[in-house]
Amino acid sequence: MSEVTIWLAVLVVCVGIEIATMGLTTIWFAGGALVSAILAALNAPLWLQIVAFFVVSLILLYLTRPVAVKYFNKDRVKTNVESLIGRQAIVISEIDNLQGIGQVTVGGQEWSARSVKDDVQLPVGSVVVVRSVSGVKLIVEEKDLSAENKQ
């Protein structure tokens, strides 16, 4: 089997994986395989084809992945725990990072919670906003009700 055929097979496999997963995982390696196939057709040495494959793949990955992720995943629906970020919650057990305690309820579900700021204790009944998730704990911040009342 010629080197051109091998690189074209790598290209087809990478494109096939990309089509099957739609996860922006292998398309950059397909570009590297295409450049390597062209070099093989021009009778370039094997070491140059391999180096070109890795260099082109990494350059494509570095330069285009952030743009591709931004435009292709913009309509992605957040699922599971991601959907909690930005939502309001009610403190049902005092949140104290130093003691490692605290719980909130969001959408009828109870979650362990910690404050964004270690020196802030949040009493029961406080309205908070989920800022992030760390493991199985929600990281929350007290909601500024005074700014909302002015509107």
N, C-alpha and C. Protein backbone atom coordinates (compact mmCIF):
# COMPACT_ATOMS: atom_id res chain seq x y z
N MET A 1 0.85 -1.17 0.00
CA MET A 1 0.00 0.00 0.00
C MET A 1 0.90 1.24 0.00
N SER A 2 0.59 2.18 -0.85
CA SER A 2 1.43 3.37 -0.96
C SER A 2 1.15 4.34 0.19
N GLU A 3 2.08 5.25 0.39
CA GLU A 3 1.95 6.24 1.45
C GLU A 3 0.75 7.16 1.21
N VAL A 4 0.50 7.48 -0.07
CA VAL A 4 -0.65 8.33 -0.40
C VAL A 4 -1.94 7.63 0.04
N THR A 5 -2.05 6.35 -0.22
CA THR A 5 -3.25 5.58 0.14
C THR A 5 -3.43 5.55 1.66
N ILE A 6 -2.32 5.39 2.37
CA ILE A 6 -2.39 5.34 3.84
C ILE A 6 -2.89 6.69 4.38
N TRP A 7 -2.34 7.79 3.88
CA TRP A 7 -2.77 9.11 4.35
C TRP A 7 -4.22 9.40 3.98
N LEU A 8 -4.63 8.95 2.79
CA LEU A 8 -6.03 9.13 2.40
C LEU A 8 -6.96 8.29 3.28
N ALA A 9 -6.49 7.11 3.69
CA ALA A 9 -7.28 6.27 4.61
C ALA A 9 -7.41 6.96 5.97
N VAL A 10 -6.31 7.56 6.44
CA VAL A 10 -6.36 8.31 7.70
C VAL A 10 -7.34 9.47 7.57
N LEU A 11 -7.30 10.15 6.44
CA LEU A 11 -8.22 11.26 6.19
C LEU A 11 -9.68 10.78 6.24
N VAL A 12 -9.98 9.68 5.57
CA VAL A 12 -11.34 9.15 5.53
C VAL A 12 -11.79 8.73 6.93
N VAL A 13 -10.92 8.08 7.68
CA VAL A 13 -11.27 7.64 9.04
C VAL A 13 -11.55 8.86 9.93
N CYS A 14 -10.71 9.89 9.84
CA CYS A 14 -10.92 11.10 10.65
C CYS A 14 -12.23 11.79 10.30
N VAL A 15 -12.52 11.91 9.02
CA VAL A 15 -13.77 12.53 8.59
C VAL A 15 -14.95 11.66 9.03
N GLY A 16 -14.82 10.35 8.91
CA GLY A 16 -15.89 9.44 9.35
C GLY A 16 -16.18 9.57 10.83
N ILE A 17 -15.14 9.65 11.64
CA ILE A 17 -15.32 9.83 13.08
C ILE A 17 -15.99 11.17 13.36
N GLU A 18 -15.57 12.19 12.65
CA GLU A 18 -16.15 13.53 12.85
C GLU A 18 -17.63 13.53 12.49
N ILE A 19 -17.99 12.89 11.40
CA ILE A 19 -19.40 12.83 10.99
C ILE A 19 -20.20 12.05 12.03
N ALA A 20 -19.63 10.96 12.53
CA ALA A 20 -20.35 10.12 13.49
C ALA A 20 -20.54 10.81 14.84
N THR A 21 -19.55 11.57 15.29
CA THR A 21 -19.61 12.16 16.62
C THR A 21 -20.09 13.60 16.63
N MET A 22 -19.84 14.34 15.57
CA MET A 22 -20.16 15.76 15.50
C MET A 22 -19.63 16.50 16.73
N GLY A 23 -18.47 16.07 17.21
CA GLY A 23 -17.93 16.65 18.42
C GLY A 23 -16.71 17.51 18.20
N LEU A 24 -16.42 17.87 16.97
CA LEU A 24 -15.22 18.65 16.65
C LEU A 24 -13.99 18.02 17.29
N THR A 25 -13.79 16.73 17.02
CA THR A 25 -12.68 16.02 17.63
C THR A 25 -11.57 15.64 16.66
N THR A 26 -11.91 15.30 15.45
CA THR A 26 -10.89 14.78 14.54
C THR A 26 -10.72 15.56 13.24
N ILE A 27 -11.49 16.59 13.05
CA ILE A 27 -11.44 17.31 11.78
C ILE A 27 -10.07 17.92 11.52
N TRP A 28 -9.39 18.33 12.58
CA TRP A 28 -8.07 18.94 12.43
C TRP A 28 -7.03 17.91 11.97
N PHE A 29 -7.19 16.68 12.42
CA PHE A 29 -6.28 15.63 12.01
C PHE A 29 -6.54 15.24 10.56
N ALA A 30 -7.78 15.40 10.11
CA ALA A 30 -8.09 15.16 8.70
C ALA A 30 -7.33 16.17 7.83
N GLY A 31 -7.26 17.42 8.28
CA GLY A 31 -6.47 18.43 7.55
C GLY A 31 -5.01 18.06 7.48
N GLY A 32 -4.46 17.58 8.60
CA GLY A 32 -3.07 17.14 8.61
C GLY A 32 -2.84 15.96 7.69
N ALA A 33 -3.80 15.04 7.66
CA ALA A 33 -3.68 13.87 6.78
C ALA A 33 -3.74 14.28 5.31
N LEU A 34 -4.56 15.29 4.99
CA LEU A 34 -4.65 15.78 3.62
C LEU A 34 -3.32 16.37 3.15
N VAL A 35 -2.71 17.20 4.01
CA VAL A 35 -1.41 17.79 3.67
C VAL A 35 -0.36 16.68 3.51
N SER A 36 -0.39 15.70 4.39
CA SER A 36 0.58 14.60 4.30
C SER A 36 0.36 13.77 3.04
N ALA A 37 -0.89 13.59 2.63
CA ALA A 37 -1.18 12.85 1.39
C ALA A 37 -0.63 13.59 0.18
N ILE A 38 -0.76 14.92 0.21
CA ILE A 38 -0.21 15.73 -0.89
C ILE A 38 1.30 15.61 -0.92
N LEU A 39 1.93 15.67 0.26
CA LEU A 39 3.40 15.52 0.32
C LEU A 39 3.82 14.13 -0.17
N ALA A 40 3.06 13.10 0.19
CA ALA A 40 3.38 11.75 -0.27
C ALA A 40 3.26 11.65 -1.79
N ALA A 41 2.26 12.31 -2.36
CA ALA A 41 2.09 12.31 -3.82
C ALA A 41 3.25 13.01 -4.51
N LEU A 42 3.88 13.97 -3.78
CA LEU A 42 5.04 14.68 -4.32
C LEU A 42 6.36 13.98 -3.98
N ASN A 43 6.25 12.75 -3.47
CA ASN A 43 7.40 11.92 -3.11
C ASN A 43 8.27 12.52 -2.02
N ALA A 44 7.66 13.23 -1.08
CA ALA A 44 8.41 13.76 0.07
C ALA A 44 8.78 12.59 0.98
N PRO A 45 9.87 12.72 1.72
CA PRO A 45 10.26 11.63 2.63
C PRO A 45 9.20 11.39 3.72
N LEU A 46 9.14 10.16 4.22
CA LEU A 46 8.14 9.78 5.21
C LEU A 46 8.24 10.64 6.48
N TRP A 47 9.46 10.93 6.92
CA TRP A 47 9.60 11.72 8.15
C TRP A 47 8.97 13.11 7.99
N LEU A 48 9.07 13.69 6.78
CA LEU A 48 8.48 15.00 6.52
C LEU A 48 6.95 14.91 6.51
N GLN A 49 6.43 13.82 5.97
CA GLN A 49 4.98 13.62 5.96
C GLN A 49 4.43 13.52 7.40
N ILE A 50 5.13 12.78 8.24
CA ILE A 50 4.69 12.61 9.63
C ILE A 50 4.78 13.93 10.39
N VAL A 51 5.89 14.63 10.23
CA VAL A 51 6.06 15.93 10.89
C VAL A 51 4.98 16.89 10.41
N ALA A 52 4.73 16.91 9.10
CA ALA A 52 3.70 17.80 8.54
C ALA A 52 2.32 17.45 9.11
N PHE A 53 2.04 16.16 9.23
CA PHE A 53 0.76 15.73 9.79
C PHE A 53 0.55 16.33 11.18
N PHE A 54 1.54 16.18 12.06
CA PHE A 54 1.40 16.68 13.43
C PHE A 54 1.40 18.20 13.49
N VAL A 55 2.27 18.84 12.73
CA VAL A 55 2.35 20.30 12.77
C VAL A 55 1.07 20.93 12.22
N VAL A 56 0.62 20.48 11.08
CA VAL A 56 -0.60 21.04 10.48
C VAL A 56 -1.81 20.76 11.38
N SER A 57 -1.91 19.55 11.92
CA SER A 57 -3.03 19.21 12.81
C SER A 57 -3.05 20.11 14.03
N LEU A 58 -1.90 20.31 14.65
CA LEU A 58 -1.84 21.15 15.85
C LEU A 58 -2.11 22.62 15.53
N ILE A 59 -1.60 23.10 14.41
CA ILE A 59 -1.87 24.49 14.03
C ILE A 59 -3.36 24.69 13.76
N LEU A 60 -3.96 23.77 13.02
CA LEU A 60 -5.41 23.86 12.77
C LEU A 60 -6.20 23.80 14.07
N LEU A 61 -5.80 22.92 14.95
CA LEU A 61 -6.47 22.78 16.24
C LEU A 61 -6.37 24.07 17.04
N TYR A 62 -5.18 24.63 17.11
CA TYR A 62 -4.94 25.84 17.89
C TYR A 62 -5.65 27.07 17.31
N LEU A 63 -5.63 27.21 15.99
CA LEU A 63 -6.17 28.42 15.37
C LEU A 63 -7.68 28.38 15.12
N THR A 64 -8.23 27.21 14.86
CA THR A 64 -9.63 27.17 14.46
C THR A 64 -10.59 26.60 15.50
N ARG A 65 -10.11 25.83 16.46
CA ARG A 65 -11.02 25.21 17.42
C ARG A 65 -11.82 26.24 18.23
N PRO A 66 -11.21 27.30 18.78
CA PRO A 66 -12.01 28.26 19.54
C PRO A 66 -13.14 28.89 18.70
N VAL A 67 -12.84 29.19 17.46
CA VAL A 67 -13.85 29.79 16.58
C VAL A 67 -14.93 28.75 16.27
N ALA A 68 -14.52 27.53 15.96
CA ALA A 68 -15.47 26.48 15.63
C ALA A 68 -16.39 26.17 16.81
N VAL A 69 -15.83 26.06 17.99
CA VAL A 69 -16.64 25.76 19.18
C VAL A 69 -17.63 26.89 19.43
N LYS A 70 -17.18 28.12 19.25
CA LYS A 70 -18.06 29.28 19.48
C LYS A 70 -19.26 29.26 18.55
N TYR A 71 -19.04 28.99 17.27
CA TYR A 71 -20.13 29.05 16.30
C TYR A 71 -20.93 27.77 16.18
N PHE A 72 -20.31 26.61 16.37
CA PHE A 72 -21.04 25.36 16.20
C PHE A 72 -21.78 24.94 17.46
N ASN A 73 -21.33 25.37 18.63
CA ASN A 73 -21.97 24.94 19.87
C ASN A 73 -22.81 26.03 20.51
N LYS A 74 -23.07 27.12 19.81
CA LYS A 74 -23.80 28.23 20.42
C LYS A 74 -25.25 27.87 20.71
N ASP A 75 -25.84 26.97 19.96
CA ASP A 75 -27.23 26.59 20.18
C ASP A 75 -27.36 25.33 21.04
N ARG A 76 -26.25 24.89 21.59
CA ARG A 76 -26.27 23.68 22.41
C ARG A 76 -27.08 23.94 23.66
N VAL A 77 -27.99 23.04 23.97
CA VAL A 77 -28.83 23.19 25.14
C VAL A 77 -28.08 22.64 26.34
N LYS A 78 -28.00 23.45 27.39
CA LYS A 78 -27.35 23.00 28.61
C LYS A 78 -28.23 21.93 29.26
N THR A 79 -27.59 20.88 29.71
CA THR A 79 -28.35 19.80 30.33
C THR A 79 -27.83 19.54 31.73
N ASN A 80 -28.62 18.83 32.48
CA ASN A 80 -28.27 18.40 33.82
C ASN A 80 -27.78 19.56 34.68
N VAL A 81 -26.64 19.38 35.29
CA VAL A 81 -26.15 20.36 36.26
C VAL A 81 -25.76 21.69 35.61
N GLU A 82 -25.36 21.67 34.33
CA GLU A 82 -25.01 22.92 33.64
C GLU A 82 -26.18 23.89 33.62
N SER A 83 -27.39 23.35 33.57
CA SER A 83 -28.56 24.21 33.48
C SER A 83 -28.83 24.97 34.77
N LEU A 84 -28.18 24.59 35.86
CA LEU A 84 -28.38 25.27 37.14
C LEU A 84 -27.61 26.59 37.22
N ILE A 85 -26.55 26.72 36.46
CA ILE A 85 -25.71 27.92 36.52
C ILE A 85 -26.53 29.13 36.08
N GLY A 86 -26.53 30.15 36.94
CA GLY A 86 -27.29 31.37 36.68
C GLY A 86 -28.68 31.37 37.29
N ARG A 87 -29.13 30.22 37.80
CA ARG A 87 -30.46 30.14 38.39
C ARG A 87 -30.44 30.58 39.85
N GLN A 88 -31.59 31.00 40.32
CA GLN A 88 -31.73 31.40 41.72
C GLN A 88 -31.99 30.17 42.58
N ALA A 89 -31.54 30.26 43.82
CA ALA A 89 -31.75 29.18 44.78
C ALA A 89 -32.07 29.81 46.14
N ILE A 90 -32.64 29.02 47.01
CA ILE A 90 -32.95 29.45 48.37
C ILE A 90 -32.09 28.63 49.32
N VAL A 91 -31.43 29.32 50.26
CA VAL A 91 -30.60 28.65 51.26
C VAL A 91 -31.53 27.96 52.26
N ILE A 92 -31.37 26.63 52.45
CA ILE A 92 -32.20 25.90 53.40
C ILE A 92 -31.40 25.43 54.61
N SER A 93 -30.08 25.55 54.51
CA SER A 93 -29.19 25.25 55.63
C SER A 93 -28.02 26.21 55.50
N GLU A 94 -27.73 26.95 56.58
CA GLU A 94 -26.73 28.02 56.54
C GLU A 94 -25.47 27.58 55.79
N ILE A 95 -25.00 28.47 54.92
CA ILE A 95 -23.78 28.19 54.16
C ILE A 95 -22.61 28.85 54.86
N ASP A 96 -21.63 28.03 55.25
CA ASP A 96 -20.43 28.51 55.92
C ASP A 96 -19.25 27.69 55.39
N ASN A 97 -18.44 28.30 54.55
CA ASN A 97 -17.33 27.59 53.91
C ASN A 97 -16.31 27.09 54.93
N LEU A 98 -16.09 27.87 55.99
CA LEU A 98 -15.09 27.46 56.98
C LEU A 98 -15.50 26.18 57.69
N GLN A 99 -16.79 26.03 57.93
CA GLN A 99 -17.27 24.81 58.57
C GLN A 99 -17.59 23.72 57.54
N GLY A 100 -17.65 24.09 56.27
CA GLY A 100 -17.94 23.12 55.21
C GLY A 100 -19.39 22.67 55.22
N ILE A 101 -20.30 23.60 55.55
CA ILE A 101 -21.72 23.25 55.60
C ILE A 101 -22.52 24.15 54.69
N GLY A 102 -23.73 23.71 54.35
CA GLY A 102 -24.66 24.53 53.61
C GLY A 102 -25.41 23.75 52.56
N GLN A 103 -26.70 24.12 52.41
CA GLN A 103 -27.53 23.50 51.39
C GLN A 103 -28.47 24.55 50.81
N VAL A 104 -28.81 24.34 49.54
CA VAL A 104 -29.78 25.19 48.86
C VAL A 104 -30.79 24.29 48.16
N THR A 105 -31.88 24.91 47.77
CA THR A 105 -32.84 24.21 46.95
C THR A 105 -33.01 24.98 45.65
N VAL A 106 -32.94 24.23 44.54
CA VAL A 106 -33.09 24.80 43.20
C VAL A 106 -34.07 23.91 42.45
N GLY A 107 -35.14 24.50 41.98
CA GLY A 107 -36.11 23.73 41.20
C GLY A 107 -36.63 22.52 41.94
N GLY A 108 -36.78 22.62 43.26
CA GLY A 108 -37.30 21.51 44.05
C GLY A 108 -36.28 20.47 44.44
N GLN A 109 -35.02 20.67 44.06
CA GLN A 109 -33.97 19.71 44.41
C GLN A 109 -33.02 20.33 45.41
N GLU A 110 -32.59 19.55 46.39
CA GLU A 110 -31.64 20.01 47.38
C GLU A 110 -30.21 19.71 46.93
N TRP A 111 -29.34 20.69 47.13
CA TRP A 111 -27.94 20.56 46.75
C TRP A 111 -27.05 21.05 47.88
N SER A 112 -25.90 20.42 48.05
CA SER A 112 -24.89 20.98 48.93
C SER A 112 -24.38 22.24 48.26
N ALA A 113 -24.05 23.23 49.07
CA ALA A 113 -23.64 24.50 48.47
C ALA A 113 -22.52 25.14 49.28
N ARG A 114 -21.72 25.93 48.59
CA ARG A 114 -20.68 26.73 49.21
C ARG A 114 -20.75 28.12 48.60
N SER A 115 -20.26 29.10 49.35
CA SER A 115 -20.27 30.48 48.90
C SER A 115 -19.07 30.74 48.00
N VAL A 116 -19.23 31.68 47.08
CA VAL A 116 -18.12 32.10 46.22
C VAL A 116 -17.00 32.67 47.09
N LYS A 117 -17.38 33.41 48.13
CA LYS A 117 -16.41 34.04 49.02
C LYS A 117 -16.35 33.27 50.33
N ASP A 118 -15.12 32.90 50.74
CA ASP A 118 -14.95 32.11 51.96
C ASP A 118 -15.38 32.85 53.23
N ASP A 119 -15.26 34.16 53.24
CA ASP A 119 -15.55 34.92 54.47
C ASP A 119 -17.02 35.33 54.59
N VAL A 120 -17.87 34.83 53.72
CA VAL A 120 -19.29 35.19 53.74
C VAL A 120 -20.11 34.00 54.21
N GLN A 121 -20.96 34.25 55.22
CA GLN A 121 -21.91 33.24 55.67
C GLN A 121 -23.29 33.65 55.15
N LEU A 122 -24.01 32.69 54.63
CA LEU A 122 -25.33 32.96 54.07
C LEU A 122 -26.39 32.27 54.93
N PRO A 123 -27.28 33.05 55.55
CA PRO A 123 -28.28 32.47 56.44
C PRO A 123 -29.42 31.77 55.69
N VAL A 124 -30.15 30.95 56.44
CA VAL A 124 -31.33 30.27 55.89
C VAL A 124 -32.30 31.32 55.36
N GLY A 125 -32.87 31.05 54.19
CA GLY A 125 -33.83 31.96 53.58
C GLY A 125 -33.22 32.93 52.59
N SER A 126 -31.90 33.02 52.54
CA SER A 126 -31.25 33.93 51.59
C SER A 126 -31.50 33.48 50.16
N VAL A 127 -31.67 34.46 49.29
CA VAL A 127 -31.78 34.16 47.86
C VAL A 127 -30.38 34.28 47.27
N VAL A 128 -29.96 33.23 46.59
CA VAL A 128 -28.62 33.20 46.01
C VAL A 128 -28.72 32.85 44.53
N VAL A 129 -27.62 33.08 43.83
CA VAL A 129 -27.52 32.74 42.41
C VAL A 129 -26.40 31.72 42.26
N VAL A 130 -26.66 30.66 41.52
CA VAL A 130 -25.65 29.62 41.27
C VAL A 130 -24.65 30.17 40.27
N ARG A 131 -23.37 30.23 40.67
CA ARG A 131 -22.32 30.76 39.80
C ARG A 131 -21.52 29.66 39.09
N SER A 132 -21.37 28.51 39.75
CA SER A 132 -20.63 27.41 39.13
C SER A 132 -20.93 26.13 39.90
N VAL A 133 -20.34 25.04 39.43
CA VAL A 133 -20.51 23.75 40.08
C VAL A 133 -19.12 23.18 40.31
N SER A 134 -18.89 22.69 41.52
CA SER A 134 -17.61 22.05 41.85
C SER A 134 -17.93 20.67 42.40
N GLY A 135 -17.69 19.67 41.59
CA GLY A 135 -18.05 18.30 41.99
C GLY A 135 -19.56 18.20 42.10
N VAL A 136 -20.05 17.92 43.34
CA VAL A 136 -21.50 17.83 43.57
C VAL A 136 -22.01 19.01 44.38
N LYS A 137 -21.19 20.05 44.49
CA LYS A 137 -21.59 21.24 45.24
C LYS A 137 -21.82 22.42 44.30
N LEU A 138 -22.88 23.17 44.61
CA LEU A 138 -23.13 24.39 43.87
C LEU A 138 -22.37 25.52 44.54
N ILE A 139 -21.71 26.33 43.75
CA ILE A 139 -21.00 27.51 44.25
C ILE A 139 -21.94 28.68 44.01
N VAL A 140 -22.35 29.34 45.11
CA VAL A 140 -23.39 30.36 45.03
C VAL A 140 -22.91 31.70 45.53
N GLU A 141 -23.66 32.71 45.16
CA GLU A 141 -23.37 34.08 45.57
C GLU A 141 -24.70 34.73 45.94
N GLU A 142 -24.69 35.52 47.01
CA GLU A 142 -25.92 36.17 47.43
C GLU A 142 -26.41 37.10 46.34
N LYS A 143 -27.71 37.04 46.09
CA LYS A 143 -28.31 37.89 45.07
C LYS A 143 -28.47 39.29 45.62
N ASP A 144 -28.14 40.28 44.81
CA ASP A 144 -28.25 41.68 45.21
C ASP A 144 -29.69 42.14 44.97
N LEU A 145 -30.50 42.06 46.02
CA LEU A 145 -31.92 42.42 45.90
C LEU A 145 -32.13 43.91 45.81
N SER A 146 -31.19 44.74 46.35
CA SER A 146 -31.37 46.18 46.32
C SER A 146 -31.30 46.72 44.89
N ALA A 147 -30.45 46.15 44.06
CA ALA A 147 -30.34 46.59 42.66
C ALA A 147 -31.61 46.24 41.90
N GLU A 148 -32.23 45.10 42.24
CA GLU A 148 -33.45 44.68 41.57
C GLU A 148 -34.63 45.54 41.97
N ASN A 149 -34.68 45.99 43.24
CA ASN A 149 -35.80 46.79 43.72
C ASN A 149 -35.79 48.19 43.12
N LYS A 150 -34.65 48.68 42.67
CA LYS A 150 -34.53 50.02 42.08
C LYS A 150 -35.10 50.06 40.66
N GLN A 151 -35.24 48.92 40.03
CA GLN A 151 -35.68 48.88 38.64
C GLN A 151 -37.16 49.05 38.49
